[in-house]
Amino acid sequence: MGLTVDVLDDLDTHNLQAAARAALQENNAIALIELLEMLWSCEVEGANAVIDAVLQRLQQLRALR
């Protein structure tokens, strides 16, 4: 839940760059998927930028497998 809480804090302060950066630096695919699910199902301002970053990071992690 650390990633989700950090990203929500960043979104709450309208720091989209920090929220996206946190997603791009995450190595735990499960945490990314949980974050994606939460952002997808809730209407959080700025969520689209983070969703894009999460999807990008998941693709990167998949390529490393």
Protein backbone atom coordinates (compact mmCIF):
# COMPACT_ATOMS: atom_id res chain seq x y z
CA MET A 1 0.00 0.00 0.00
CA GLY A 2 2.99 2.33 0.29
CA LEU A 3 2.97 3.16 -3.40
CA THR A 4 -0.77 3.84 -3.44
CA VAL A 5 -0.59 6.12 -0.41
CA ASP A 6 2.40 8.01 -1.81
CA VAL A 7 0.72 8.50 -5.17
CA LEU A 8 -2.55 9.61 -3.60
CA ASP A 9 -0.65 12.12 -1.46
CA ASP A 10 1.07 13.46 -4.58
CA LEU A 11 -2.23 13.68 -6.44
CA ASP A 12 -3.83 15.44 -3.48
CA THR A 13 -1.12 18.11 -3.65
CA HIS A 14 -1.45 18.24 -7.47
CA ASN A 15 2.11 16.96 -7.92
CA LEU A 16 1.47 14.85 -10.99
CA GLN A 17 5.15 14.55 -11.86
CA ALA A 18 6.01 13.05 -8.47
CA ALA A 19 3.06 10.65 -8.69
CA ALA A 20 4.06 9.46 -12.15
CA ARG A 21 7.72 9.24 -11.14
CA ALA A 22 6.81 7.03 -8.16
CA ALA A 23 4.99 4.66 -10.50
CA LEU A 24 7.85 4.61 -12.99
CA GLN A 25 10.34 3.72 -10.24
CA GLU A 26 8.27 0.91 -8.71
CA ASN A 27 9.57 -2.64 -9.16
CA ASN A 28 6.64 -4.46 -7.57
CA ALA A 29 4.16 -5.39 -10.31
CA ILE A 30 1.48 -6.30 -7.77
CA ALA A 31 1.67 -2.84 -6.19
CA LEU A 32 1.41 -1.28 -9.64
CA ILE A 33 -1.62 -3.39 -10.53
CA GLU A 34 -3.32 -2.49 -7.25
CA LEU A 35 -2.63 1.19 -7.91
CA LEU A 36 -3.94 0.86 -11.46
CA GLU A 37 -7.12 -0.80 -10.25
CA MET A 38 -7.72 1.91 -7.65
CA LEU A 39 -7.06 4.78 -10.06
CA TRP A 40 -9.18 3.18 -12.77
CA SER A 41 -12.19 2.70 -10.53
CA CYS A 42 -12.08 6.05 -8.72
CA GLU A 43 -12.38 9.49 -10.17
CA VAL A 44 -9.19 11.08 -8.92
CA GLU A 45 -8.03 14.31 -10.50
CA GLY A 46 -4.82 13.73 -12.43
CA ALA A 47 -5.23 9.95 -12.43
CA ASN A 48 -4.78 9.60 -16.20
CA ALA A 49 -1.16 10.74 -16.07
CA VAL A 50 -0.41 8.18 -13.39
CA ILE A 51 -2.35 5.45 -15.20
CA ASP A 52 -0.16 6.06 -18.25
CA ALA A 53 2.97 5.80 -16.09
CA VAL A 54 1.75 2.60 -14.42
CA LEU A 55 1.00 0.96 -17.76
CA GLN A 56 4.39 2.01 -19.09
CA ARG A 57 6.18 0.60 -16.04
CA LEU A 58 4.25 -2.69 -16.24
CA GLN A 59 5.34 -3.04 -19.87
CA GLN A 60 8.96 -2.40 -18.84
CA LEU A 61 8.79 -5.00 -16.08
CA ARG A 62 7.19 -7.51 -18.44
CA ALA A 63 10.03 -7.02 -20.92
CA LEU A 64 12.53 -7.81 -18.18
CA ARG A 65 10.98 -11.23 -17.45
